[in-house]
Amino acid sequence: MKSTNYWIVLTSSAVLCLACDKNQPTRNNDDPLATNNSLNGESDKHAGAGHDDKDKAHVQATATIQGAEGVQIGGEAWFTDDGDGVKVVVDVKDAPVGEKGIHIHEVGDCSNIRGASMGSHFSPEGNHHGMPGMMMQDVHLGDLGNIKIKDDGTGKKEITVKKANLKEGDAHSLLGKSIVIHQDEDKGASEQPSGGSGTPIACGVIQKS
């Protein structure tokens, strides 16, 4: 009789342990820490995917980039006044491979890109051509340096143009100007007048979004 009772006690304990193991995942799922970790992983994924959309929600101007006659290139540029200047983000595709000079030009007219209908580099203070990072009094406000086009024809450029803004009618405003990509690399102030970047191959008018 004693052995029978002992067997029953063991069986009951085993059942209880099995029940504990079976319920363990449920308790983990209900654990706020475990739940938050899972949600954070998904949230981070969404946050990463939506980062550009969030940035674009603050964009105040845009430009659709089109190629000159005979040049297959396309893309977009976004402009945001962040209080420390204008943040410029350029995204192009189907472009010729290599380093290409990229500048803001003074006229918002892309009707004759090779003929420079967009005028000269934007320089409201009449400075010389230069590269980003040089003293502001020495370079055009529209000097953005180069955009690197990869082997797949895509390229991206992000830069903040100090002293620029997106205020209508302001002398330092980029609104109504154009963003231009040239066929060659901008080599800086030593190569005047535009760093030796050569013929314009793409252009987009900067318009209020």
N, C-alpha and C. Protein backbone atom coordinates (compact mmCIF):
# COMPACT_ATOMS: atom_id res chain seq x y z
N MET A 1 0.83 -1.20 0.00
CA MET A 1 0.00 0.00 0.00
C MET A 1 0.87 1.26 0.00
N LYS A 2 1.96 1.12 0.80
CA LYS A 2 2.84 2.28 0.86
C LYS A 2 3.48 2.55 -0.51
N SER A 3 3.87 1.45 -1.17
CA SER A 3 4.50 1.65 -2.47
C SER A 3 3.54 2.24 -3.48
N THR A 4 2.25 1.82 -3.38
CA THR A 4 1.23 2.38 -4.27
C THR A 4 1.06 3.87 -4.05
N ASN A 5 1.00 4.30 -2.82
CA ASN A 5 0.87 5.73 -2.51
C ASN A 5 2.08 6.51 -3.02
N TYR A 6 3.24 5.88 -2.85
CA TYR A 6 4.47 6.53 -3.31
C TYR A 6 4.45 6.74 -4.82
N TRP A 7 3.96 5.74 -5.53
CA TRP A 7 3.85 5.86 -7.01
C TRP A 7 2.89 6.97 -7.40
N ILE A 8 1.80 7.08 -6.69
CA ILE A 8 0.79 8.12 -6.98
C ILE A 8 1.39 9.49 -6.75
N VAL A 9 2.16 9.66 -5.70
CA VAL A 9 2.77 10.95 -5.42
C VAL A 9 3.75 11.34 -6.53
N LEU A 10 4.55 10.35 -6.96
CA LEU A 10 5.48 10.62 -8.05
C LEU A 10 4.76 11.03 -9.32
N THR A 11 3.69 10.31 -9.63
CA THR A 11 2.91 10.62 -10.84
C THR A 11 2.32 12.01 -10.75
N SER A 12 1.79 12.36 -9.63
CA SER A 12 1.20 13.69 -9.46
C SER A 12 2.24 14.77 -9.65
N SER A 13 3.44 14.52 -9.09
CA SER A 13 4.52 15.51 -9.24
C SER A 13 4.91 15.67 -10.68
N ALA A 14 4.99 14.53 -11.37
CA ALA A 14 5.36 14.58 -12.79
C ALA A 14 4.35 15.35 -13.60
N VAL A 15 3.05 15.14 -13.30
CA VAL A 15 1.99 15.86 -14.00
C VAL A 15 2.09 17.34 -13.74
N LEU A 16 2.37 17.68 -12.47
CA LEU A 16 2.50 19.09 -12.13
C LEU A 16 3.68 19.72 -12.88
N CYS A 17 4.81 18.99 -12.97
CA CYS A 17 5.98 19.51 -13.68
C CYS A 17 5.70 19.69 -15.16
N LEU A 18 4.98 18.69 -15.72
CA LEU A 18 4.62 18.81 -17.14
C LEU A 18 3.75 20.03 -17.36
N ALA A 19 2.85 20.26 -16.45
CA ALA A 19 1.97 21.42 -16.55
C ALA A 19 2.77 22.70 -16.47
N CYS A 20 3.79 22.69 -15.56
CA CYS A 20 4.64 23.89 -15.44
C CYS A 20 5.36 24.18 -16.75
N ASP A 21 5.95 23.09 -17.33
CA ASP A 21 6.68 23.28 -18.59
C ASP A 21 5.77 23.75 -19.69
N LYS A 22 4.57 23.21 -19.71
CA LYS A 22 3.63 23.57 -20.78
C LYS A 22 3.21 25.02 -20.67
N ASN A 23 3.09 25.49 -19.42
CA ASN A 23 2.64 26.86 -19.23
C ASN A 23 3.77 27.87 -19.29
N GLN A 24 5.02 27.38 -19.26
CA GLN A 24 6.14 28.30 -19.21
C GLN A 24 6.16 29.30 -20.37
N PRO A 25 5.98 28.85 -21.61
CA PRO A 25 5.99 29.81 -22.72
C PRO A 25 4.90 30.85 -22.59
N THR A 26 3.75 30.45 -22.05
CA THR A 26 2.66 31.40 -21.89
C THR A 26 3.06 32.51 -20.95
N ARG A 27 3.78 32.14 -19.85
CA ARG A 27 4.20 33.15 -18.91
C ARG A 27 5.25 34.06 -19.55
N ASN A 28 6.14 33.45 -20.39
CA ASN A 28 7.13 34.28 -21.08
C ASN A 28 6.46 35.26 -22.03
N ASN A 29 5.44 34.80 -22.74
CA ASN A 29 4.75 35.67 -23.68
C ASN A 29 4.03 36.79 -22.96
N ASP A 30 3.59 36.50 -21.74
CA ASP A 30 2.88 37.53 -20.98
C ASP A 30 3.83 38.45 -20.25
N ASP A 31 5.11 38.06 -20.20
CA ASP A 31 6.10 38.85 -19.50
C ASP A 31 6.29 40.17 -20.24
N PRO A 32 6.06 41.32 -19.59
CA PRO A 32 6.17 42.61 -20.28
C PRO A 32 7.53 42.82 -20.91
N LEU A 33 8.61 42.34 -20.23
CA LEU A 33 9.94 42.53 -20.80
C LEU A 33 10.10 41.77 -22.10
N ALA A 34 9.62 40.49 -22.10
CA ALA A 34 9.73 39.69 -23.32
C ALA A 34 8.88 40.29 -24.43
N THR A 35 7.70 40.77 -24.11
CA THR A 35 6.81 41.35 -25.11
C THR A 35 7.41 42.62 -25.70
N ASN A 36 7.99 43.47 -24.84
CA ASN A 36 8.57 44.71 -25.33
C ASN A 36 9.77 44.46 -26.22
N ASN A 37 10.57 43.44 -25.88
CA ASN A 37 11.71 43.12 -26.73
C ASN A 37 11.25 42.73 -28.12
N SER A 38 10.20 41.95 -28.19
CA SER A 38 9.69 41.51 -29.48
C SER A 38 9.16 42.69 -30.28
N LEU A 39 8.41 43.56 -29.60
CA LEU A 39 7.83 44.72 -30.28
C LEU A 39 8.90 45.69 -30.71
N ASN A 40 9.94 45.84 -29.87
CA ASN A 40 11.01 46.75 -30.24
C ASN A 40 11.71 46.29 -31.49
N GLY A 41 11.90 45.00 -31.62
CA GLY A 41 12.54 44.48 -32.83
C GLY A 41 11.73 44.84 -34.05
N GLU A 42 10.44 44.67 -33.99
CA GLU A 42 9.56 45.00 -35.11
C GLU A 42 9.49 46.51 -35.30
N SER A 43 9.45 47.23 -34.17
CA SER A 43 9.36 48.69 -34.23
C SER A 43 10.61 49.28 -34.86
N ASP A 44 11.78 48.73 -34.47
CA ASP A 44 13.02 49.21 -35.06
C ASP A 44 13.03 48.99 -36.56
N LYS A 45 12.49 47.84 -36.99
CA LYS A 45 12.45 47.51 -38.41
C LYS A 45 11.60 48.53 -39.16
N HIS A 46 10.44 48.83 -38.57
CA HIS A 46 9.55 49.81 -39.21
C HIS A 46 10.17 51.20 -39.17
N ALA A 47 10.81 51.52 -38.04
CA ALA A 47 11.41 52.85 -37.91
C ALA A 47 12.49 53.04 -38.96
N GLY A 48 13.30 51.99 -39.17
CA GLY A 48 14.35 52.08 -40.18
C GLY A 48 13.77 52.25 -41.56
N ALA A 49 12.72 51.50 -41.84
CA ALA A 49 12.11 51.56 -43.17
C ALA A 49 11.40 52.88 -43.40
N GLY A 50 10.89 53.49 -42.31
CA GLY A 50 10.12 54.72 -42.45
C GLY A 50 10.92 55.97 -42.22
N HIS A 51 12.25 55.83 -42.03
CA HIS A 51 13.07 56.99 -41.71
C HIS A 51 13.02 58.03 -42.81
N ASP A 52 13.18 57.58 -44.05
CA ASP A 52 13.14 58.51 -45.17
C ASP A 52 11.80 59.22 -45.27
N ASP A 53 10.71 58.45 -45.05
CA ASP A 53 9.38 59.05 -45.12
C ASP A 53 9.22 60.13 -44.05
N LYS A 54 9.78 59.86 -42.86
CA LYS A 54 9.71 60.83 -41.79
C LYS A 54 10.46 62.09 -42.16
N ASP A 55 11.66 61.92 -42.74
CA ASP A 55 12.43 63.07 -43.19
C ASP A 55 11.69 63.86 -44.26
N LYS A 56 11.07 63.11 -45.19
CA LYS A 56 10.38 63.77 -46.29
C LYS A 56 9.17 64.57 -45.81
N ALA A 57 8.65 64.22 -44.65
CA ALA A 57 7.50 64.95 -44.10
C ALA A 57 7.88 66.39 -43.78
N HIS A 58 9.19 66.65 -43.59
CA HIS A 58 9.66 68.00 -43.27
C HIS A 58 10.25 68.71 -44.47
N VAL A 59 10.26 68.05 -45.61
CA VAL A 59 10.84 68.65 -46.83
C VAL A 59 10.01 69.86 -47.25
N GLN A 60 10.73 70.92 -47.61
CA GLN A 60 10.04 72.17 -48.01
C GLN A 60 10.18 72.48 -49.49
N ALA A 61 11.09 71.78 -50.16
CA ALA A 61 11.26 71.99 -51.60
C ALA A 61 11.79 70.71 -52.24
N THR A 62 11.49 70.55 -53.52
CA THR A 62 11.95 69.36 -54.25
C THR A 62 12.39 69.75 -55.66
N ALA A 63 13.11 68.84 -56.28
CA ALA A 63 13.50 69.03 -57.69
C ALA A 63 13.50 67.68 -58.36
N THR A 64 12.90 67.61 -59.53
CA THR A 64 12.94 66.39 -60.33
C THR A 64 14.06 66.53 -61.34
N ILE A 65 15.03 65.64 -61.26
CA ILE A 65 16.23 65.75 -62.09
C ILE A 65 16.01 65.02 -63.41
N GLN A 66 16.31 65.71 -64.49
CA GLN A 66 16.16 65.13 -65.83
C GLN A 66 17.47 65.29 -66.60
N GLY A 67 17.73 64.36 -67.50
CA GLY A 67 18.96 64.39 -68.26
C GLY A 67 18.89 65.36 -69.43
N ALA A 68 20.07 65.82 -69.83
CA ALA A 68 20.15 66.64 -71.04
C ALA A 68 19.81 65.78 -72.24
N GLU A 69 19.60 66.39 -73.37
CA GLU A 69 19.27 65.65 -74.58
C GLU A 69 20.36 64.61 -74.87
N GLY A 70 19.95 63.36 -75.04
CA GLY A 70 20.89 62.29 -75.32
C GLY A 70 21.49 61.64 -74.08
N VAL A 71 21.11 62.13 -72.89
CA VAL A 71 21.64 61.56 -71.64
C VAL A 71 20.50 60.93 -70.85
N GLN A 72 20.63 59.64 -70.57
CA GLN A 72 19.60 58.95 -69.80
C GLN A 72 19.98 58.99 -68.33
N ILE A 73 19.33 59.86 -67.60
CA ILE A 73 19.57 60.02 -66.17
C ILE A 73 18.29 60.57 -65.53
N GLY A 74 18.01 60.14 -64.34
CA GLY A 74 16.83 60.63 -63.65
C GLY A 74 17.08 60.65 -62.16
N GLY A 75 16.21 61.28 -61.43
CA GLY A 75 16.38 61.32 -59.98
C GLY A 75 15.54 62.40 -59.33
N GLU A 76 15.73 62.52 -58.03
CA GLU A 76 15.01 63.50 -57.23
C GLU A 76 15.98 64.17 -56.27
N ALA A 77 15.64 65.38 -55.85
CA ALA A 77 16.39 66.08 -54.81
C ALA A 77 15.39 66.68 -53.83
N TRP A 78 15.74 66.60 -52.54
CA TRP A 78 14.87 67.12 -51.49
C TRP A 78 15.62 68.17 -50.69
N PHE A 79 14.93 69.22 -50.30
CA PHE A 79 15.55 70.35 -49.62
C PHE A 79 14.78 70.67 -48.34
N THR A 80 15.52 70.75 -47.23
CA THR A 80 14.90 71.01 -45.93
C THR A 80 15.70 72.08 -45.19
N ASP A 81 15.03 73.15 -44.78
CA ASP A 81 15.67 74.19 -43.97
C ASP A 81 15.67 73.71 -42.53
N ASP A 82 16.83 73.30 -42.03
CA ASP A 82 16.90 72.74 -40.68
C ASP A 82 17.37 73.73 -39.63
N GLY A 83 17.42 75.01 -39.99
CA GLY A 83 17.84 76.05 -39.05
C GLY A 83 19.33 76.28 -39.07
N ASP A 84 20.09 75.35 -39.62
CA ASP A 84 21.54 75.49 -39.71
C ASP A 84 21.96 75.57 -41.17
N GLY A 85 21.01 75.90 -42.01
CA GLY A 85 21.23 75.90 -43.45
C GLY A 85 20.19 75.03 -44.11
N VAL A 86 20.42 74.67 -45.36
CA VAL A 86 19.49 73.81 -46.09
C VAL A 86 20.11 72.44 -46.30
N LYS A 87 19.42 71.41 -45.79
CA LYS A 87 19.87 70.04 -46.01
C LYS A 87 19.41 69.62 -47.40
N VAL A 88 20.36 69.15 -48.20
CA VAL A 88 20.08 68.72 -49.56
C VAL A 88 20.35 67.22 -49.66
N VAL A 89 19.37 66.48 -50.15
CA VAL A 89 19.52 65.05 -50.38
C VAL A 89 19.23 64.79 -51.85
N VAL A 90 20.20 64.22 -52.56
CA VAL A 90 20.05 63.96 -53.99
C VAL A 90 20.14 62.46 -54.22
N ASP A 91 19.21 61.93 -55.00
CA ASP A 91 19.18 60.50 -55.30
C ASP A 91 18.99 60.34 -56.81
N VAL A 92 19.99 59.78 -57.49
CA VAL A 92 19.89 59.64 -58.95
C VAL A 92 20.03 58.19 -59.37
N LYS A 93 19.58 57.89 -60.57
CA LYS A 93 19.67 56.55 -61.14
C LYS A 93 19.94 56.66 -62.63
N ASP A 94 20.39 55.55 -63.21
CA ASP A 94 20.69 55.48 -64.65
C ASP A 94 21.69 56.54 -65.09
N ALA A 95 22.61 56.88 -64.20
CA ALA A 95 23.59 57.92 -64.50
C ALA A 95 24.91 57.33 -64.95
N PRO A 96 25.71 58.11 -65.70
CA PRO A 96 27.04 57.65 -66.09
C PRO A 96 27.93 57.45 -64.86
N VAL A 97 28.72 56.40 -64.85
CA VAL A 97 29.54 56.05 -63.69
C VAL A 97 30.67 57.06 -63.47
N GLY A 98 30.97 57.31 -62.18
CA GLY A 98 32.11 58.17 -61.83
C GLY A 98 31.73 59.33 -60.94
N GLU A 99 32.72 60.11 -60.57
CA GLU A 99 32.51 61.32 -59.78
C GLU A 99 32.00 62.43 -60.70
N LYS A 100 30.92 63.07 -60.28
CA LYS A 100 30.31 64.13 -61.10
C LYS A 100 30.12 65.38 -60.25
N GLY A 101 30.56 66.50 -60.80
CA GLY A 101 30.34 67.77 -60.11
C GLY A 101 28.85 68.06 -59.98
N ILE A 102 28.45 68.58 -58.81
CA ILE A 102 27.04 68.90 -58.59
C ILE A 102 26.95 70.28 -57.92
N HIS A 103 26.09 71.13 -58.48
CA HIS A 103 26.03 72.51 -58.01
C HIS A 103 24.59 73.02 -58.05
N ILE A 104 24.36 74.09 -57.29
CA ILE A 104 23.12 74.86 -57.42
C ILE A 104 23.41 76.00 -58.39
N HIS A 105 22.58 76.15 -59.42
CA HIS A 105 22.75 77.24 -60.37
C HIS A 105 21.69 78.32 -60.13
N GLU A 106 21.98 79.50 -60.64
CA GLU A 106 21.23 80.69 -60.26
C GLU A 106 19.85 80.83 -60.91
N VAL A 107 19.57 80.07 -61.97
CA VAL A 107 18.31 80.22 -62.69
C VAL A 107 17.55 78.89 -62.71
N GLY A 108 16.27 78.94 -62.43
CA GLY A 108 15.44 77.74 -62.46
C GLY A 108 14.90 77.46 -63.84
N ASP A 109 15.79 77.15 -64.76
CA ASP A 109 15.39 76.90 -66.16
C ASP A 109 16.23 75.75 -66.71
N CYS A 110 15.61 74.60 -66.91
CA CYS A 110 16.33 73.42 -67.42
C CYS A 110 15.95 73.13 -68.87
N SER A 111 15.50 74.14 -69.59
CA SER A 111 15.02 73.92 -70.95
C SER A 111 16.16 73.63 -71.93
N ASN A 112 17.36 74.10 -71.64
CA ASN A 112 18.51 73.87 -72.51
C ASN A 112 19.72 73.59 -71.62
N ILE A 113 19.81 72.35 -71.15
CA ILE A 113 20.82 72.01 -70.14
C ILE A 113 22.24 72.18 -70.67
N ARG A 114 22.50 71.63 -71.84
CA ARG A 114 23.85 71.75 -72.40
C ARG A 114 24.19 73.20 -72.73
N GLY A 115 23.20 73.98 -73.03
CA GLY A 115 23.42 75.39 -73.33
C GLY A 115 23.40 76.28 -72.11
N ALA A 116 23.31 75.67 -70.92
CA ALA A 116 23.38 76.39 -69.64
C ALA A 116 22.26 77.41 -69.48
N SER A 117 21.03 76.97 -69.78
CA SER A 117 19.88 77.85 -69.56
C SER A 117 19.68 78.15 -68.07
N MET A 118 20.33 77.38 -67.19
CA MET A 118 20.20 77.57 -65.75
C MET A 118 21.22 78.56 -65.20
N GLY A 119 22.00 79.20 -66.09
CA GLY A 119 22.93 80.23 -65.66
C GLY A 119 24.16 79.67 -64.96
N SER A 120 24.82 80.54 -64.23
CA SER A 120 26.06 80.18 -63.54
C SER A 120 25.77 79.62 -62.15
N HIS A 121 26.83 79.21 -61.45
CA HIS A 121 26.69 78.75 -60.08
C HIS A 121 26.06 79.84 -59.22
N PHE A 122 25.21 79.43 -58.30
CA PHE A 122 24.53 80.38 -57.42
C PHE A 122 25.54 80.96 -56.43
N SER A 123 25.76 82.25 -56.52
CA SER A 123 26.74 82.92 -55.65
C SER A 123 26.27 84.34 -55.36
N PRO A 124 25.32 84.48 -54.41
CA PRO A 124 24.74 85.80 -54.13
C PRO A 124 25.75 86.82 -53.63
N GLU A 125 26.90 86.35 -53.13
CA GLU A 125 27.91 87.28 -52.62
C GLU A 125 29.09 87.42 -53.57
N GLY A 126 28.98 86.81 -54.76
CA GLY A 126 30.02 86.98 -55.78
C GLY A 126 31.35 86.34 -55.45
N ASN A 127 31.33 85.20 -54.75
CA ASN A 127 32.57 84.52 -54.38
C ASN A 127 33.12 83.71 -55.54
N HIS A 128 34.32 83.15 -55.33
CA HIS A 128 34.95 82.29 -56.32
C HIS A 128 34.43 80.86 -56.14
N HIS A 129 34.68 80.05 -57.18
CA HIS A 129 34.32 78.64 -57.07
C HIS A 129 35.22 77.92 -56.08
N GLY A 130 34.64 76.92 -55.39
CA GLY A 130 35.42 76.14 -54.43
C GLY A 130 34.71 74.85 -54.10
N MET A 131 35.13 74.24 -53.00
CA MET A 131 34.56 72.96 -52.57
C MET A 131 33.96 73.10 -51.17
N PRO A 132 32.97 72.27 -50.84
CA PRO A 132 32.40 72.29 -49.50
C PRO A 132 33.50 72.06 -48.46
N GLY A 133 33.41 72.76 -47.34
CA GLY A 133 34.41 72.63 -46.30
C GLY A 133 35.41 73.77 -46.31
N MET A 134 35.50 74.50 -47.42
CA MET A 134 36.35 75.69 -47.47
C MET A 134 35.63 76.82 -46.76
N MET A 135 36.32 77.88 -46.47
CA MET A 135 35.70 79.04 -45.82
C MET A 135 34.56 79.55 -46.70
N MET A 136 33.42 79.82 -46.07
CA MET A 136 32.23 80.19 -46.83
C MET A 136 32.44 81.44 -47.67
N GLN A 137 33.29 82.36 -47.19
CA GLN A 137 33.48 83.59 -47.96
C GLN A 137 34.28 83.36 -49.24
N ASP A 138 34.83 82.14 -49.38
CA ASP A 138 35.67 81.86 -50.55
C ASP A 138 34.99 81.04 -51.63
N VAL A 139 33.78 80.57 -51.39
CA VAL A 139 33.14 79.67 -52.36
C VAL A 139 31.73 80.13 -52.71
N HIS A 140 31.26 79.61 -53.85
CA HIS A 140 29.87 79.86 -54.22
C HIS A 140 28.94 79.18 -53.21
N LEU A 141 27.83 79.78 -52.95
CA LEU A 141 26.84 79.16 -52.06
C LEU A 141 26.33 77.86 -52.67
N GLY A 142 26.38 77.78 -54.00
CA GLY A 142 25.88 76.60 -54.70
C GLY A 142 26.90 75.52 -54.95
N ASP A 143 28.10 75.62 -54.41
CA ASP A 143 29.13 74.60 -54.62
C ASP A 143 28.88 73.41 -53.70
N LEU A 144 28.44 72.29 -54.28
CA LEU A 144 28.11 71.10 -53.49
C LEU A 144 29.16 69.99 -53.61
N GLY A 145 30.20 70.22 -54.37
CA GLY A 145 31.24 69.19 -54.52
C GLY A 145 30.89 68.19 -55.61
N ASN A 146 30.95 66.89 -55.27
CA ASN A 146 30.72 65.83 -56.24
C ASN A 146 29.70 64.82 -55.74
N ILE A 147 29.07 64.15 -56.68
CA ILE A 147 28.22 63.01 -56.36
C ILE A 147 28.85 61.79 -57.03
N LYS A 148 29.02 60.71 -56.28
CA LYS A 148 29.66 59.51 -56.81
C LYS A 148 28.61 58.56 -57.38
N ILE A 149 28.72 58.27 -58.66
CA ILE A 149 27.80 57.35 -59.33
C ILE A 149 28.44 55.96 -59.37
N LYS A 150 27.77 55.00 -58.78
CA LYS A 150 28.30 53.64 -58.72
C LYS A 150 28.11 52.90 -60.04
N ASP A 151 28.65 51.68 -60.08
CA ASP A 151 28.60 50.89 -61.32
C ASP A 151 27.18 50.59 -61.78
N ASP A 152 26.22 50.58 -60.84
CA ASP A 152 24.84 50.30 -61.22
C ASP A 152 24.09 51.56 -61.65
N GLY A 153 24.80 52.68 -61.74
CA GLY A 153 24.19 53.92 -62.22
C GLY A 153 23.48 54.73 -61.16
N THR A 154 23.57 54.31 -59.90
CA THR A 154 22.90 55.04 -58.83
C THR A 154 23.90 55.87 -58.05
N GLY A 155 23.42 56.95 -57.46
CA GLY A 155 24.27 57.80 -56.64
C GLY A 155 23.44 58.59 -55.65
N LYS A 156 24.03 58.88 -54.51
CA LYS A 156 23.33 59.66 -53.49
C LYS A 156 24.27 60.69 -52.89
N LYS A 157 23.73 61.86 -52.64
CA LYS A 157 24.51 62.95 -52.05
C LYS A 157 23.69 63.60 -50.95
N GLU A 158 24.31 63.78 -49.78
CA GLU A 158 23.67 64.50 -48.68
C GLU A 158 24.62 65.57 -48.20
N ILE A 159 24.13 66.78 -48.09
CA ILE A 159 24.98 67.89 -47.66
C ILE A 159 24.10 69.01 -47.11
N THR A 160 24.60 69.73 -46.13
CA THR A 160 23.90 70.90 -45.62
C THR A 160 24.60 72.14 -46.14
N VAL A 161 23.85 72.98 -46.83
CA VAL A 161 24.40 74.21 -47.39
C VAL A 161 24.24 75.32 -46.36
N LYS A 162 25.34 75.68 -45.70
CA LYS A 162 25.31 76.73 -44.68
C LYS A 162 24.96 78.07 -45.31
N LYS A 163 24.27 78.89 -44.54
CA LYS A 163 23.87 80.25 -44.92
C LYS A 163 22.74 80.27 -45.95
N ALA A 164 22.39 79.12 -46.51
CA ALA A 164 21.27 79.08 -47.46
C ALA A 164 19.96 78.91 -46.70
N ASN A 165 18.85 79.26 -47.36
CA ASN A 165 17.53 79.07 -46.78
C ASN A 165 16.52 78.77 -47.88
N LEU A 166 15.27 78.61 -47.49
CA LEU A 166 14.19 78.35 -48.45
C LEU A 166 13.09 79.39 -48.31
N LYS A 167 13.49 80.62 -48.03
CA LYS A 167 12.54 81.72 -47.87
C LYS A 167 12.33 82.42 -49.22
N GLU A 168 11.10 82.55 -49.60
CA GLU A 168 10.80 83.18 -50.89
C GLU A 168 11.28 84.63 -50.89
N GLY A 169 11.99 85.01 -51.93
CA GLY A 169 12.46 86.38 -52.08
C GLY A 169 13.75 86.71 -51.36
N ASP A 170 14.27 85.78 -50.55
CA ASP A 170 15.50 86.04 -49.82
C ASP A 170 16.70 85.85 -50.76
N ALA A 171 17.72 86.67 -50.58
CA ALA A 171 18.89 86.62 -51.46
C ALA A 171 19.63 85.29 -51.37
N HIS A 172 19.51 84.60 -50.23
CA HIS A 172 20.22 83.33 -50.04
C HIS A 172 19.30 82.11 -50.17
N SER A 173 18.13 82.34 -50.73
CA SER A 173 17.16 81.25 -50.88
C SER A 173 17.49 80.38 -52.08
N LEU A 174 17.31 79.07 -51.92
CA LEU A 174 17.52 78.14 -53.04
C LEU A 174 16.26 77.94 -53.86
N LEU A 175 15.14 78.46 -53.40
CA LEU A 175 13.89 78.32 -54.16
C LEU A 175 14.02 79.02 -55.51
N GLY A 176 13.52 78.38 -56.55
CA GLY A 176 13.56 78.97 -57.87
C GLY A 176 14.90 78.83 -58.57
N LYS A 177 15.85 78.20 -57.90
CA LYS A 177 17.15 77.93 -58.52
C LYS A 177 17.10 76.53 -59.14
N SER A 178 18.22 76.04 -59.62
CA SER A 178 18.26 74.69 -60.19
C SER A 178 19.44 73.92 -59.61
N ILE A 179 19.28 72.61 -59.56
CA ILE A 179 20.38 71.75 -59.14
C ILE A 179 20.90 71.04 -60.39
N VAL A 180 22.21 71.06 -60.58
CA VAL A 180 22.80 70.63 -61.86
C VAL A 180 23.92 69.61 -61.60
N ILE A 181 23.93 68.57 -62.41
CA ILE A 181 25.00 67.57 -62.38
C ILE A 181 25.81 67.71 -63.66
N HIS A 182 27.14 67.70 -63.53
CA HIS A 182 28.04 67.86 -64.67
C HIS A 182 28.65 66.52 -65.08
N GLN A 183 29.25 66.48 -66.25
CA GLN A 183 29.74 65.21 -66.79
C GLN A 183 31.05 64.74 -66.14
N ASP A 184 31.81 65.66 -65.52
CA ASP A 184 33.11 65.31 -64.97
C ASP A 184 33.20 65.67 -63.49
N GLU A 185 34.30 65.27 -62.89
CA GLU A 185 34.54 65.54 -61.47
C GLU A 185 34.88 67.01 -61.26
N ASP A 186 34.35 67.57 -60.17
CA ASP A 186 34.71 68.92 -59.75
C ASP A 186 36.02 68.82 -58.96
N LYS A 187 37.06 69.44 -59.49
CA LYS A 187 38.39 69.35 -58.86
C LYS A 187 38.70 70.52 -57.96
N GLY A 188 37.74 71.40 -57.76
CA GLY A 188 37.94 72.48 -56.79
C GLY A 188 38.36 73.79 -57.41
N ALA A 189 38.83 74.67 -56.51
CA ALA A 189 39.13 76.04 -56.90
C ALA A 189 40.25 76.16 -57.92
N SER A 190 41.11 75.16 -57.99
CA SER A 190 42.24 75.25 -58.92
C SER A 190 41.80 75.15 -60.38
N GLU A 191 40.59 74.67 -60.59
CA GLU A 191 40.07 74.52 -61.96
C GLU A 191 38.87 75.44 -62.14
N GLN A 192 39.10 76.63 -62.61
CA GLN A 192 38.01 77.59 -62.79
C GLN A 192 37.38 77.42 -64.18
N PRO A 193 36.14 77.84 -64.41
CA PRO A 193 35.30 78.50 -63.41
C PRO A 193 34.44 77.53 -62.59
N SER A 194 34.36 76.25 -62.99
CA SER A 194 33.45 75.34 -62.27
C SER A 194 34.17 74.06 -61.84
N GLY A 195 35.44 74.18 -61.49
CA GLY A 195 36.20 73.04 -61.01
C GLY A 195 36.54 72.04 -62.08
N GLY A 196 36.43 72.43 -63.33
CA GLY A 196 36.74 71.53 -64.43
C GLY A 196 35.72 70.42 -64.58
N SER A 197 34.50 70.66 -64.08
CA SER A 197 33.48 69.60 -64.11
C SER A 197 32.78 69.46 -65.46
N GLY A 198 33.10 70.35 -66.37
CA GLY A 198 32.64 70.17 -67.74
C GLY A 198 31.17 70.48 -68.00
N THR A 199 30.67 69.89 -69.07
CA THR A 199 29.32 70.17 -69.56
C THR A 199 28.25 69.64 -68.61
N PRO A 200 27.18 70.42 -68.39
CA PRO A 200 26.06 69.93 -67.58
C PRO A 200 25.35 68.77 -68.29
N ILE A 201 24.99 67.74 -67.52
CA ILE A 201 24.29 66.60 -68.13
C ILE A 201 22.90 66.36 -67.52
N ALA A 202 22.59 67.05 -66.42
CA ALA A 202 21.28 66.86 -65.80
C ALA A 202 20.93 68.09 -64.97
N CYS A 203 19.62 68.30 -64.82
CA CYS A 203 19.16 69.53 -64.16
C CYS A 203 17.79 69.32 -63.56
N GLY A 204 17.51 70.02 -62.48
CA GLY A 204 16.17 70.00 -61.88
C GLY A 204 15.87 71.34 -61.23
N VAL A 205 14.69 71.87 -61.45
CA VAL A 205 14.28 73.16 -60.88
C VAL A 205 13.83 72.94 -59.43
N ILE A 206 14.31 73.77 -58.53
CA ILE A 206 13.97 73.66 -57.10
C ILE A 206 12.67 74.41 -56.84
N GLN A 207 11.66 73.67 -56.48
CA GLN A 207 10.34 74.25 -56.28
C GLN A 207 9.80 73.93 -54.89
N LYS A 208 9.01 74.84 -54.37
CA LYS A 208 8.41 74.66 -53.06
C LYS A 208 7.46 73.45 -53.09
N SER A 209 7.58 72.58 -52.09
CA SER A 209 6.76 71.37 -52.09
C SER A 209 5.46 71.59 -51.32
